[in-house]
Amino acid sequence: MKLLTNPLFIFNVCRLFCVKKFTVCYFKIPDIFFRSGHVIKSLSCFCSFLLLFFCASTFASSHDDLFFALREGNIKRVEILMQSKNIGIDTKLDLEIDSSDNYNTPLATATLYGHIGLVKHLIERGADVNAKNFYDRTALMYAVEGRYQQIIALLLANGADINAQDKYGSTPLMWAIERGYTDIVNFLIQRGANLNLKDKSHDQTALMLAVRKGYIDIVNIFLNDGADVNTKTDEGDTLLRMAISNEHPETALLLIQNGADVNFIEKASYITPLWLAAGRGQTQVVELLLKYGADLNAKDKCGRTPLKRAMLGQHAETVAFLISQGAKEK
């Protein structure tokens, strides 16, 4: 029962109940006292309770007001709210509304909604362009997500880390690739984005991500920039294998034409790119692999040839082509 007369406990209870349901908490909070059998001994105690309740309510909604002003790009209102409520320039907004924007700084929020004027204003006020939220996401990542090239340029000009990595190891460049933004990818590469960083989720570089997604234009940008076409993951997976495995024959063709190793053997299974392509019925890829010197009858660990694998997969067109090239079943 002592908890019910503790001001700090009351404050936290008030804040808990006031989230989104002000009318409900107005009736429910006094009811807590009576259901517990506790009798409020004095009017002053109850008044203190009400005061703490309204203080908690005001505290809970203070960042929400600022969030709405930031979302609207209203510079004047943003300034009024930050000054009147003493909210710091790099405060991480603690929102009571249902939003995925929780714990972003004002700069990140303004960036997310594409308000370049507000972004510039906050930077001039001293906002940290590299501040991170709970997921280690920066304003630059949100600028990339929104495809806001002018804001990207503005953030970079003011010291934003082009190679910052979020909680999952993704960089702004990877964010651009994930969304297929060829123009933003090119823009970031031209400004020095690191092409060799790997994420934490799949141990992949930006180029590997582009290959897995089958974004041939983006892959081409990397290759023209001198990327290693035979780069591998720590497990030994090559770009060519990734393209074939993820059913991106056009990307596979591009890699082969740019010097991908057509006879690379996967250590655990002895599977070659030709065996893999034959097993997926990618006849065009099979044809180009053979043109570039792939071993027609290379066997996997179980002794199966590319022809045998194509037959097992019932890929009639691929089977016919391999037989026409002199392939053996065993």
C-alpha atoms as a PDB file:
ATOM      1  CA  MET A   1       0.000   0.000   0.000  1.00  0.00           C
ATOM      2  CA  LYS A   2       2.927   2.325   0.556  1.00  0.00           C
ATOM      3  CA  LEU A   3       3.545   2.325  -3.203  1.00  0.00           C
ATOM      4  CA  LEU A   4       0.196   4.011  -3.774  1.00  0.00           C
ATOM      5  CA  THR A   5       1.329   7.028  -1.789  1.00  0.00           C
ATOM      6  CA  ASN A   6       4.785   7.197  -3.403  1.00  0.00           C
ATOM      7  CA  PRO A   7       4.909  10.215  -5.794  1.00  0.00           C
ATOM      8  CA  LEU A   8       7.382   8.558  -8.191  1.00  0.00           C
ATOM      9  CA  PHE A   9       5.238   5.439  -8.435  1.00  0.00           C
ATOM     10  CA  ILE A  10       2.114   7.525  -9.044  1.00  0.00           C
ATOM     11  CA  PHE A  11       3.931   9.517 -11.746  1.00  0.00           C
ATOM     12  CA  ASN A  12       4.935   6.379 -13.637  1.00  0.00           C
ATOM     13  CA  VAL A  13       1.454   4.886 -13.315  1.00  0.00           C
ATOM     14  CA  CYS A  14       0.001   8.121 -14.654  1.00  0.00           C
ATOM     15  CA  ARG A  15       2.352   8.100 -17.596  1.00  0.00           C
ATOM     16  CA  LEU A  16       1.521   4.477 -18.345  1.00  0.00           C
ATOM     17  CA  PHE A  17      -2.205   5.084 -18.378  1.00  0.00           C
ATOM     18  CA  CYS A  18      -2.136   8.361 -20.232  1.00  0.00           C
ATOM     19  CA  VAL A  19      -0.726   6.842 -23.387  1.00  0.00           C
ATOM     20  CA  LYS A  20      -3.381   7.464 -26.069  1.00  0.00           C
ATOM     21  CA  LYS A  21      -6.287   7.013 -23.640  1.00  0.00           C
ATOM     22  CA  PHE A  22      -6.675  10.180 -21.645  1.00  0.00           C
ATOM     23  CA  THR A  23     -10.412   9.746 -21.090  1.00  0.00           C
ATOM     24  CA  VAL A  24      -9.984   6.169 -19.929  1.00  0.00           C
ATOM     25  CA  CYS A  25      -7.258   7.014 -17.447  1.00  0.00           C
ATOM     26  CA  TYR A  26      -9.307   9.879 -15.998  1.00  0.00           C
ATOM     27  CA  PHE A  27     -11.814   7.347 -14.742  1.00  0.00           C
ATOM     28  CA  LYS A  28      -9.574   4.358 -14.147  1.00  0.00           C
ATOM     29  CA  ILE A  29      -6.783   5.804 -12.038  1.00  0.00           C
ATOM     30  CA  PRO A  30      -8.963   6.866  -9.088  1.00  0.00           C
ATOM     31  CA  ASP A  31     -10.628   3.450  -9.374  1.00  0.00           C
ATOM     32  CA  ILE A  32      -7.264   1.746  -8.721  1.00  0.00           C
ATOM     33  CA  PHE A  33      -7.176   3.224  -5.255  1.00  0.00           C
ATOM     34  CA  PHE A  34     -10.649   2.046  -4.289  1.00  0.00           C
ATOM     35  CA  ARG A  35     -10.358  -1.449  -5.760  1.00  0.00           C
ATOM     36  CA  SER A  36      -7.156  -1.999  -3.841  1.00  0.00           C
ATOM     37  CA  GLY A  37      -9.017  -1.189  -0.673  1.00  0.00           C
ATOM     38  CA  HIS A  38      -6.857   1.826  -0.095  1.00  0.00           C
ATOM     39  CA  VAL A  39      -8.671   4.873   1.272  1.00  0.00           C
ATOM     40  CA  ILE A  40      -7.376   8.258   0.247  1.00  0.00           C
ATOM     41  CA  LYS A  41      -6.868   9.881   3.608  1.00  0.00           C
ATOM     42  CA  SER A  42      -6.779  13.478   2.567  1.00  0.00           C
ATOM     43  CA  LEU A  43      -7.890  15.791  -0.190  1.00  0.00           C
ATOM     44  CA  SER A  44      -4.358  17.138  -0.495  1.00  0.00           C
ATOM     45  CA  CYS A  45      -3.055  13.656  -1.345  1.00  0.00           C
ATOM     46  CA  PHE A  46      -5.644  13.272  -4.102  1.00  0.00           C
ATOM     47  CA  CYS A  47      -4.841  16.750  -5.481  1.00  0.00           C
ATOM     48  CA  SER A  48      -1.173  15.835  -5.562  1.00  0.00           C
ATOM     49  CA  PHE A  49      -2.097  12.740  -7.486  1.00  0.00           C
ATOM     50  CA  LEU A  50      -4.045  14.768 -10.070  1.00  0.00           C
ATOM     51  CA  LEU A  51      -1.186  17.234 -10.429  1.00  0.00           C
ATOM     52  CA  LEU A  52       1.293  14.450 -11.091  1.00  0.00           C
ATOM     53  CA  PHE A  53      -1.120  12.892 -13.569  1.00  0.00           C
ATOM     54  CA  PHE A  54      -1.387  16.030 -15.664  1.00  0.00           C
ATOM     55  CA  CYS A  55       2.375  16.577 -15.476  1.00  0.00           C
ATOM     56  CA  ALA A  56       2.940  13.060 -16.761  1.00  0.00           C
ATOM     57  CA  SER A  57       0.369  13.600 -19.501  1.00  0.00           C
ATOM     58  CA  THR A  58       2.115  16.762 -20.647  1.00  0.00           C
ATOM     59  CA  PHE A  59       5.514  15.052 -20.563  1.00  0.00           C
ATOM     60  CA  ALA A  60       4.241  12.102 -22.581  1.00  0.00           C
ATOM     61  CA  SER A  61       2.869  14.214 -25.418  1.00  0.00           C
ATOM     62  CA  SER A  62       5.656  16.820 -25.660  1.00  0.00           C
ATOM     63  CA  HIS A  63       7.696  14.953 -28.261  1.00  0.00           C
ATOM     64  CA  ASP A  64       4.602  14.022 -30.244  1.00  0.00           C
ATOM     65  CA  ASP A  65       3.863  17.699 -30.873  1.00  0.00           C
ATOM     66  CA  LEU A  66       7.401  18.249 -32.100  1.00  0.00           C
ATOM     67  CA  PHE A  67       7.197  15.159 -34.286  1.00  0.00           C
ATOM     68  CA  PHE A  68       4.081  16.458 -36.045  1.00  0.00           C
ATOM     69  CA  ALA A  69       5.739  19.834 -36.623  1.00  0.00           C
ATOM     70  CA  LEU A  70       8.831  18.121 -38.049  1.00  0.00           C
ATOM     71  CA  ARG A  71       6.706  15.913 -40.259  1.00  0.00           C
ATOM     72  CA  GLU A  72       4.985  18.987 -41.655  1.00  0.00           C
ATOM     73  CA  GLY A  73       8.287  20.802 -42.154  1.00  0.00           C
ATOM     74  CA  ASN A  74       7.046  23.742 -40.066  1.00  0.00           C
ATOM     75  CA  ILE A  75      10.296  25.469 -39.069  1.00  0.00           C
ATOM     76  CA  LYS A  76       8.628  28.154 -36.952  1.00  0.00           C
ATOM     77  CA  ARG A  77       6.590  25.689 -34.908  1.00  0.00           C
ATOM     78  CA  VAL A  78       9.591  23.373 -34.509  1.00  0.00           C
ATOM     79  CA  GLU A  79      11.573  26.273 -33.022  1.00  0.00           C
ATOM     80  CA  ILE A  80       8.746  27.295 -30.702  1.00  0.00           C
ATOM     81  CA  LEU A  81       8.293  23.747 -29.381  1.00  0.00           C
ATOM     82  CA  MET A  82      12.005  23.070 -28.928  1.00  0.00           C
ATOM     83  CA  GLN A  83      12.531  26.315 -27.042  1.00  0.00           C
ATOM     84  CA  SER A  84       9.350  26.281 -24.951  1.00  0.00           C
ATOM     85  CA  LYS A  85       9.807  22.648 -23.912  1.00  0.00           C
ATOM     86  CA  ASN A  86      13.574  22.814 -23.653  1.00  0.00           C
ATOM     87  CA  ILE A  87      14.143  20.002 -26.162  1.00  0.00           C
ATOM     88  CA  GLY A  88      17.765  19.661 -27.241  1.00  0.00           C
ATOM     89  CA  ILE A  89      18.807  19.758 -30.899  1.00  0.00           C
ATOM     90  CA  ASP A  90      19.880  16.095 -30.839  1.00  0.00           C
ATOM     91  CA  THR A  91      17.167  14.760 -28.540  1.00  0.00           C
ATOM     92  CA  LYS A  92      15.882  11.338 -29.558  1.00  0.00           C
ATOM     93  CA  LEU A  93      12.135  11.706 -29.795  1.00  0.00           C
ATOM     94  CA  ASP A  94      10.239   9.456 -27.400  1.00  0.00           C
ATOM     95  CA  LEU A  95       6.842   9.184 -29.082  1.00  0.00           C
ATOM     96  CA  GLU A  96       3.638   7.943 -27.518  1.00  0.00           C
ATOM     97  CA  ILE A  97       1.890   7.570 -30.875  1.00  0.00           C
ATOM     98  CA  ASP A  98       2.267   4.365 -32.888  1.00  0.00           C
ATOM     99  CA  SER A  99       5.171   5.190 -35.163  1.00  0.00           C
ATOM    100  CA  SER A 100       8.279   3.557 -36.592  1.00  0.00           C
ATOM    101  CA  ASP A 101       9.968   6.959 -36.254  1.00  0.00           C
ATOM    102  CA  ASN A 102      10.525   6.570 -32.509  1.00  0.00           C
ATOM    103  CA  TYR A 103      13.904   7.617 -31.092  1.00  0.00           C
ATOM    104  CA  ASN A 104      14.950   9.565 -34.190  1.00  0.00           C
ATOM    105  CA  THR A 105      16.511  12.993 -33.760  1.00  0.00           C
ATOM    106  CA  PRO A 106      14.720  16.056 -35.145  1.00  0.00           C
ATOM    107  CA  LEU A 107      17.224  16.081 -38.037  1.00  0.00           C
ATOM    108  CA  ALA A 108      16.564  12.443 -38.920  1.00  0.00           C
ATOM    109  CA  THR A 109      12.798  13.024 -38.753  1.00  0.00           C
ATOM    110  CA  ALA A 110      12.970  16.099 -40.987  1.00  0.00           C
ATOM    111  CA  THR A 111      15.130  14.118 -43.416  1.00  0.00           C
ATOM    112  CA  LEU A 112      12.741  11.183 -43.410  1.00  0.00           C
ATOM    113  CA  TYR A 113       9.947  13.441 -44.657  1.00  0.00           C
ATOM    114  CA  GLY A 114      12.117  15.251 -47.205  1.00  0.00           C
ATOM    115  CA  HIS A 115      12.024  18.788 -45.793  1.00  0.00           C
ATOM    116  CA  ILE A 116      15.317  20.157 -47.088  1.00  0.00           C
ATOM    117  CA  GLY A 117      14.683  23.659 -45.692  1.00  0.00           C
ATOM    118  CA  LEU A 118      14.151  22.261 -42.201  1.00  0.00           C
ATOM    119  CA  VAL A 119      17.137  19.931 -42.568  1.00  0.00           C
ATOM    120  CA  LYS A 120      19.331  22.890 -43.481  1.00  0.00           C
ATOM    121  CA  HIS A 121      17.937  24.911 -40.559  1.00  0.00           C
ATOM    122  CA  LEU A 122      18.658  22.150 -38.033  1.00  0.00           C
ATOM    123  CA  ILE A 123      22.190  21.665 -39.367  1.00  0.00           C
ATOM    124  CA  GLU A 124      22.814  25.404 -39.024  1.00  0.00           C
ATOM    125  CA  ARG A 125      21.559  25.125 -35.435  1.00  0.00           C
ATOM    126  CA  GLY A 126      24.278  22.538 -34.782  1.00  0.00           C
ATOM    127  CA  ALA A 127      22.481  19.220 -35.233  1.00  0.00           C
ATOM    128  CA  ASP A 128      24.724  16.160 -35.276  1.00  0.00           C
ATOM    129  CA  VAL A 129      24.491  14.785 -38.835  1.00  0.00           C
ATOM    130  CA  ASN A 130      25.811  11.410 -37.670  1.00  0.00           C
ATOM    131  CA  ALA A 131      23.490  10.857 -34.709  1.00  0.00           C
ATOM    132  CA  LYS A 132      21.987   7.358 -34.626  1.00  0.00           C
ATOM    133  CA  ASN A 133      18.681   5.966 -33.397  1.00  0.00           C
ATOM    134  CA  PHE A 134      17.990   2.666 -31.635  1.00  0.00           C
ATOM    135  CA  TYR A 135      18.762   0.757 -34.850  1.00  0.00           C
ATOM    136  CA  ASP A 136      21.911   2.826 -35.504  1.00  0.00           C
ATOM    137  CA  ARG A 137      20.253   4.490 -38.494  1.00  0.00           C
ATOM    138  CA  THR A 138      21.449   7.943 -39.489  1.00  0.00           C
ATOM    139  CA  ALA A 139      19.816  10.854 -41.267  1.00  0.00           C
ATOM    140  CA  LEU A 140      21.794   9.978 -44.404  1.00  0.00           C
ATOM    141  CA  MET A 141      20.170   6.543 -44.515  1.00  0.00           C
ATOM    142  CA  TYR A 142      16.725   8.130 -44.378  1.00  0.00           C
ATOM    143  CA  ALA A 143      17.710  10.555 -47.135  1.00  0.00           C
ATOM    144  CA  VAL A 144      18.720   7.555 -49.251  1.00  0.00           C
ATOM    145  CA  GLU A 145      15.483   5.754 -48.405  1.00  0.00           C
ATOM    146  CA  GLY A 146      13.481   8.760 -49.576  1.00  0.00           C
ATOM    147  CA  ARG A 147      15.673   9.172 -52.688  1.00  0.00           C
ATOM    148  CA  TYR A 148      16.295  12.783 -51.660  1.00  0.00           C
ATOM    149  CA  GLN A 149      19.485  13.472 -53.593  1.00  0.00           C
ATOM    150  CA  GLN A 150      19.662  17.151 -52.597  1.00  0.00           C
ATOM    151  CA  ILE A 151      19.400  16.263 -48.918  1.00  0.00           C
ATOM    152  CA  ILE A 152      22.017  13.529 -49.374  1.00  0.00           C
ATOM    153  CA  ALA A 153      24.379  16.097 -50.888  1.00  0.00           C
ATOM    154  CA  LEU A 154      23.625  18.564 -48.078  1.00  0.00           C
ATOM    155  CA  LEU A 155      24.298  15.997 -45.350  1.00  0.00           C
ATOM    156  CA  LEU A 156      27.541  14.842 -46.986  1.00  0.00           C
ATOM    157  CA  ALA A 157      28.697  18.444 -47.382  1.00  0.00           C
ATOM    158  CA  ASN A 158      28.207  18.863 -43.635  1.00  0.00           C
ATOM    159  CA  GLY A 159      30.173  15.815 -42.566  1.00  0.00           C
ATOM    160  CA  ALA A 160      27.735  12.908 -42.745  1.00  0.00           C
ATOM    161  CA  ASP A 161      29.523   9.551 -42.675  1.00  0.00           C
ATOM    162  CA  ILE A 162      28.952   7.994 -46.101  1.00  0.00           C
ATOM    163  CA  ASN A 163      30.028   4.600 -44.745  1.00  0.00           C
ATOM    164  CA  ALA A 164      28.012   4.550 -41.517  1.00  0.00           C
ATOM    165  CA  GLN A 165      26.573   1.119 -40.723  1.00  0.00           C
ATOM    166  CA  ASP A 166      23.270   0.446 -39.018  1.00  0.00           C
ATOM    167  CA  LYS A 167      22.542  -2.282 -36.477  1.00  0.00           C
ATOM    168  CA  TYR A 168      22.594  -4.891 -39.240  1.00  0.00           C
ATOM    169  CA  GLY A 169      25.768  -3.594 -40.870  1.00  0.00           C
ATOM    170  CA  SER A 170      24.014  -1.990 -43.840  1.00  0.00           C
ATOM    171  CA  THR A 171      25.549   1.187 -45.251  1.00  0.00           C
ATOM    172  CA  PRO A 172      23.762   4.027 -47.078  1.00  0.00           C
ATOM    173  CA  LEU A 173      25.020   2.439 -50.318  1.00  0.00           C
ATOM    174  CA  MET A 174      23.380  -0.861 -49.364  1.00  0.00           C
ATOM    175  CA  TRP A 175      20.171   0.986 -48.512  1.00  0.00           C
ATOM    176  CA  ALA A 176      20.176   2.418 -52.038  1.00  0.00           C
ATOM    177  CA  ILE A 177      20.845  -0.979 -53.619  1.00  0.00           C
ATOM    178  CA  GLU A 178      18.147  -2.676 -51.538  1.00  0.00           C
ATOM    179  CA  ARG A 179      15.641  -0.275 -53.102  1.00  0.00           C
ATOM    180  CA  GLY A 180      17.053  -0.419 -56.608  1.00  0.00           C
ATOM    181  CA  TYR A 181      17.962   3.279 -56.714  1.00  0.00           C
ATOM    182  CA  THR A 182      20.544   3.243 -59.506  1.00  0.00           C
ATOM    183  CA  ASP A 183      20.922   7.033 -59.503  1.00  0.00           C
ATOM    184  CA  ILE A 184      21.606   7.181 -55.759  1.00  0.00           C
ATOM    185  CA  VAL A 185      24.031   4.248 -55.968  1.00  0.00           C
ATOM    186  CA  ASN A 186      25.994   6.053 -58.673  1.00  0.00           C
ATOM    187  CA  PHE A 187      25.889   9.292 -56.671  1.00  0.00           C
ATOM    188  CA  LEU A 188      27.282   7.632 -53.514  1.00  0.00           C
ATOM    189  CA  ILE A 189      30.000   5.734 -55.369  1.00  0.00           C
ATOM    190  CA  GLN A 190      31.147   8.933 -57.046  1.00  0.00           C
ATOM    191  CA  ARG A 191      31.480  10.492 -53.591  1.00  0.00           C
ATOM    192  CA  GLY A 192      33.674   7.732 -52.226  1.00  0.00           C
ATOM    193  CA  ALA A 193      31.369   5.120 -50.683  1.00  0.00           C
ATOM    194  CA  ASN A 194      33.311   2.049 -49.553  1.00  0.00           C
ATOM    195  CA  LEU A 195      32.453  -0.845 -51.881  1.00  0.00           C
ATOM    196  CA  ASN A 196      34.039  -3.543 -49.725  1.00  0.00           C
ATOM    197  CA  LEU A 197      32.193  -3.236 -46.412  1.00  0.00           C
ATOM    198  CA  LYS A 198      30.087  -6.273 -45.480  1.00  0.00           C
ATOM    199  CA  ASP A 199      26.796  -6.373 -43.627  1.00  0.00           C
ATOM    200  CA  LYS A 200      26.182  -8.497 -40.535  1.00  0.00           C
ATOM    201  CA  SER A 201      23.090 -10.326 -41.747  1.00  0.00           C
ATOM    202  CA  HIS A 202      24.447 -12.102 -44.831  1.00  0.00           C
ATOM    203  CA  ASP A 203      28.177 -11.329 -44.782  1.00  0.00           C
ATOM    204  CA  GLN A 204      27.728  -9.597 -48.124  1.00  0.00           C
ATOM    205  CA  THR A 205      29.185  -6.524 -49.791  1.00  0.00           C
ATOM    206  CA  ALA A 206      27.118  -3.971 -51.663  1.00  0.00           C
ATOM    207  CA  LEU A 207      27.959  -5.690 -54.958  1.00  0.00           C
ATOM    208  CA  MET A 208      26.871  -9.074 -53.604  1.00  0.00           C
ATOM    209  CA  LEU A 209      23.564  -7.522 -52.564  1.00  0.00           C
ATOM    210  CA  ALA A 210      23.074  -6.082 -56.052  1.00  0.00           C
ATOM    211  CA  VAL A 211      23.801  -9.484 -57.611  1.00  0.00           C
ATOM    212  CA  ARG A 212      21.393 -11.280 -55.270  1.00  0.00           C
ATOM    213  CA  LYS A 213      18.701  -8.731 -56.108  1.00  0.00           C
ATOM    214  CA  GLY A 214      19.402  -9.056 -59.834  1.00  0.00           C
ATOM    215  CA  TYR A 215      19.847  -5.315 -60.358  1.00  0.00           C
ATOM    216  CA  ILE A 216      21.911  -5.606 -63.518  1.00  0.00           C
ATOM    217  CA  ASP A 217      22.358  -1.833 -64.010  1.00  0.00           C
ATOM    218  CA  ILE A 218      23.777  -1.470 -60.509  1.00  0.00           C
ATOM    219  CA  VAL A 219      26.040  -4.499 -60.949  1.00  0.00           C
ATOM    220  CA  ASN A 220      27.307  -2.910 -64.159  1.00  0.00           C
ATOM    221  CA  ILE A 221      28.171   0.301 -62.289  1.00  0.00           C
ATOM    222  CA  PHE A 222      30.330  -1.697 -59.875  1.00  0.00           C
ATOM    223  CA  LEU A 223      32.072  -3.632 -62.625  1.00  0.00           C
ATOM    224  CA  ASN A 224      32.809  -0.443 -64.559  1.00  0.00           C
ATOM    225  CA  ASP A 225      34.249   0.984 -61.351  1.00  0.00           C
ATOM    226  CA  GLY A 226      36.716  -1.912 -61.155  1.00  0.00           C
ATOM    227  CA  ALA A 227      34.992  -4.258 -58.705  1.00  0.00           C
ATOM    228  CA  ASP A 228      36.412  -7.809 -58.470  1.00  0.00           C
ATOM    229  CA  VAL A 229      34.064 -10.050 -60.460  1.00  0.00           C
ATOM    230  CA  ASN A 230      35.392 -13.125 -58.632  1.00  0.00           C
ATOM    231  CA  THR A 231      35.021 -11.851 -55.081  1.00  0.00           C
ATOM    232  CA  LYS A 232      33.662 -14.450 -52.615  1.00  0.00           C
ATOM    233  CA  THR A 233      31.915 -14.594 -49.272  1.00  0.00           C
ATOM    234  CA  ASP A 234      33.731 -16.115 -46.288  1.00  0.00           C
ATOM    235  CA  GLU A 235      31.875 -19.356 -47.087  1.00  0.00           C
ATOM    236  CA  GLY A 236      33.268 -19.331 -50.634  1.00  0.00           C
ATOM    237  CA  ASP A 237      30.140 -18.299 -52.524  1.00  0.00           C
ATOM    238  CA  THR A 238      30.931 -16.379 -55.737  1.00  0.00           C
ATOM    239  CA  LEU A 239      28.956 -13.660 -57.487  1.00  0.00           C
ATOM    240  CA  LEU A 240      28.243 -15.982 -60.418  1.00  0.00           C
ATOM    241  CA  ARG A 241      26.842 -18.668 -58.140  1.00  0.00           C
ATOM    242  CA  MET A 242      24.686 -16.060 -56.386  1.00  0.00           C
ATOM    243  CA  ALA A 243      23.232 -14.845 -59.684  1.00  0.00           C
ATOM    244  CA  ILE A 244      22.438 -18.389 -60.853  1.00  0.00           C
ATOM    245  CA  SER A 245      21.064 -19.521 -57.475  1.00  0.00           C
ATOM    246  CA  ASN A 246      18.779 -16.495 -57.223  1.00  0.00           C
ATOM    247  CA  GLU A 247      17.422 -17.003 -60.753  1.00  0.00           C
ATOM    248  CA  HIS A 248      18.981 -13.918 -62.328  1.00  0.00           C
ATOM    249  CA  PRO A 249      20.274 -15.236 -65.665  1.00  0.00           C
ATOM    250  CA  GLU A 250      20.865 -11.777 -67.160  1.00  0.00           C
ATOM    251  CA  THR A 251      23.083 -10.845 -64.225  1.00  0.00           C
ATOM    252  CA  ALA A 252      24.911 -14.171 -64.593  1.00  0.00           C
ATOM    253  CA  LEU A 253      25.522 -13.427 -68.277  1.00  0.00           C
ATOM    254  CA  LEU A 254      26.961 -10.010 -67.420  1.00  0.00           C
ATOM    255  CA  LEU A 255      29.329 -11.546 -64.854  1.00  0.00           C
ATOM    256  CA  ILE A 256      30.507 -14.223 -67.288  1.00  0.00           C
ATOM    257  CA  GLN A 257      31.165 -11.608 -69.957  1.00  0.00           C
ATOM    258  CA  ASN A 258      33.233  -9.653 -67.430  1.00  0.00           C
ATOM    259  CA  GLY A 259      35.527 -12.528 -66.520  1.00  0.00           C
ATOM    260  CA  ALA A 260      33.751 -14.551 -63.813  1.00  0.00           C
ATOM    261  CA  ASP A 261      35.428 -17.935 -63.192  1.00  0.00           C
ATOM    262  CA  VAL A 262      33.212 -20.389 -65.064  1.00  0.00           C
ATOM    263  CA  ASN A 263      34.905 -23.438 -63.522  1.00  0.00           C
ATOM    264  CA  PHE A 264      34.884 -22.397 -59.885  1.00  0.00           C
ATOM    265  CA  ILE A 265      34.277 -25.503 -57.754  1.00  0.00           C
ATOM    266  CA  GLU A 266      32.399 -25.206 -54.475  1.00  0.00           C
ATOM    267  CA  LYS A 267      34.538 -27.107 -51.958  1.00  0.00           C
ATOM    268  CA  ALA A 268      31.831 -28.892 -49.989  1.00  0.00           C
ATOM    269  CA  SER A 269      29.761 -30.220 -52.914  1.00  0.00           C
ATOM    270  CA  TYR A 270      32.081 -29.882 -55.940  1.00  0.00           C
ATOM    271  CA  ILE A 271      29.283 -28.039 -57.715  1.00  0.00           C
ATOM    272  CA  THR A 272      30.321 -25.831 -60.658  1.00  0.00           C
ATOM    273  CA  PRO A 273      28.383 -22.872 -62.134  1.00  0.00           C
ATOM    274  CA  LEU A 274      27.458 -25.060 -65.141  1.00  0.00           C
ATOM    275  CA  TRP A 275      26.047 -27.791 -62.889  1.00  0.00           C
ATOM    276  CA  LEU A 276      24.054 -25.157 -60.991  1.00  0.00           C
ATOM    277  CA  ALA A 277      22.663 -23.498 -64.131  1.00  0.00           C
ATOM    278  CA  ALA A 278      21.760 -26.853 -65.698  1.00  0.00           C
ATOM    279  CA  GLY A 279      19.875 -27.837 -62.561  1.00  0.00           C
ATOM    280  CA  ARG A 280      17.771 -24.675 -62.832  1.00  0.00           C
ATOM    281  CA  GLY A 281      17.085 -24.958 -66.536  1.00  0.00           C
ATOM    282  CA  GLN A 282      18.942 -21.754 -67.381  1.00  0.00           C
ATOM    283  CA  THR A 283      19.805 -22.796 -70.932  1.00  0.00           C
ATOM    284  CA  GLN A 284      21.098 -19.397 -72.016  1.00  0.00           C
ATOM    285  CA  VAL A 285      23.510 -19.300 -69.090  1.00  0.00           C
ATOM    286  CA  VAL A 286      24.594 -22.891 -69.785  1.00  0.00           C
ATOM    287  CA  GLU A 287      25.327 -21.950 -73.388  1.00  0.00           C
ATOM    288  CA  LEU A 288      27.449 -18.947 -72.428  1.00  0.00           C
ATOM    289  CA  LEU A 289      29.309 -20.896 -69.728  1.00  0.00           C
ATOM    290  CA  LEU A 290      30.318 -23.481 -72.313  1.00  0.00           C
ATOM    291  CA  LYS A 291      31.320 -20.739 -74.744  1.00  0.00           C
ATOM    292  CA  TYR A 292      33.674 -19.352 -72.071  1.00  0.00           C
ATOM    293  CA  GLY A 293      35.246 -22.740 -71.351  1.00  0.00           C
ATOM    294  CA  ALA A 294      33.132 -24.412 -68.652  1.00  0.00           C
ATOM    295  CA  ASP A 295      33.769 -28.134 -68.104  1.00  0.00           C
ATOM    296  CA  LEU A 296      30.849 -29.879 -69.808  1.00  0.00           C
ATOM    297  CA  ASN A 297      31.000 -33.045 -67.720  1.00  0.00           C
ATOM    298  CA  ALA A 298      32.228 -31.810 -64.317  1.00  0.00           C
ATOM    299  CA  LYS A 299      30.667 -33.973 -61.602  1.00  0.00           C
ATOM    300  CA  ASP A 300      29.405 -33.038 -58.173  1.00  0.00           C
ATOM    301  CA  LYS A 301      30.324 -34.903 -54.983  1.00  0.00           C
ATOM    302  CA  CYS A 302      27.724 -37.573 -55.757  1.00  0.00           C
ATOM    303  CA  GLY A 303      29.068 -38.150 -59.278  1.00  0.00           C
ATOM    304  CA  ARG A 304      26.242 -36.382 -61.123  1.00  0.00           C
ATOM    305  CA  THR A 305      27.066 -34.462 -64.307  1.00  0.00           C
ATOM    306  CA  PRO A 306      25.324 -31.240 -65.445  1.00  0.00           C
ATOM    307  CA  LEU A 307      23.302 -33.333 -67.924  1.00  0.00           C
ATOM    308  CA  LYS A 308      22.165 -35.712 -65.183  1.00  0.00           C
ATOM    309  CA  ARG A 309      21.184 -32.740 -62.990  1.00  0.00           C
ATOM    310  CA  ALA A 310      19.160 -31.175 -65.830  1.00  0.00           C
ATOM    311  CA  MET A 311      17.408 -34.498 -66.408  1.00  0.00           C
ATOM    312  CA  LEU A 312      16.535 -34.801 -62.723  1.00  0.00           C
ATOM    313  CA  GLY A 313      15.088 -31.293 -62.859  1.00  0.00           C
ATOM    314  CA  GLN A 314      13.087 -32.196 -66.003  1.00  0.00           C
ATOM    315  CA  HIS A 315      14.474 -29.248 -67.956  1.00  0.00           C
ATOM    316  CA  ALA A 316      13.903 -30.589 -71.469  1.00  0.00           C
ATOM    317  CA  GLU A 317      15.369 -27.630 -73.340  1.00  0.00           C
ATOM    318  CA  THR A 318      18.564 -27.659 -71.266  1.00  0.00           C
ATOM    319  CA  VAL A 319      18.856 -31.444 -71.601  1.00  0.00           C
ATOM    320  CA  ALA A 320      18.533 -31.233 -75.376  1.00  0.00           C
ATOM    321  CA  PHE A 321      21.157 -28.507 -75.598  1.00  0.00           C
ATOM    322  CA  LEU A 322      23.676 -30.357 -73.407  1.00  0.00           C
ATOM    323  CA  ILE A 323      23.237 -33.556 -75.421  1.00  0.00           C
ATOM    324  CA  SER A 324      23.807 -31.569 -78.610  1.00  0.00           C
ATOM    325  CA  GLN A 325      27.120 -30.432 -77.114  1.00  0.00           C
ATOM    326  CA  GLY A 326      28.206 -34.001 -76.351  1.00  0.00           C
ATOM    327  CA  ALA A 327      27.377 -34.039 -72.639  1.00  0.00           C
ATOM    328  CA  LYS A 328      27.445 -37.359 -70.757  1.00  0.00           C
ATOM    329  CA  GLU A 329      24.859 -38.585 -68.307  1.00  0.00           C
ATOM    330  CA  LYS A 330      27.481 -40.369 -66.162  1.00  0.00           C
END
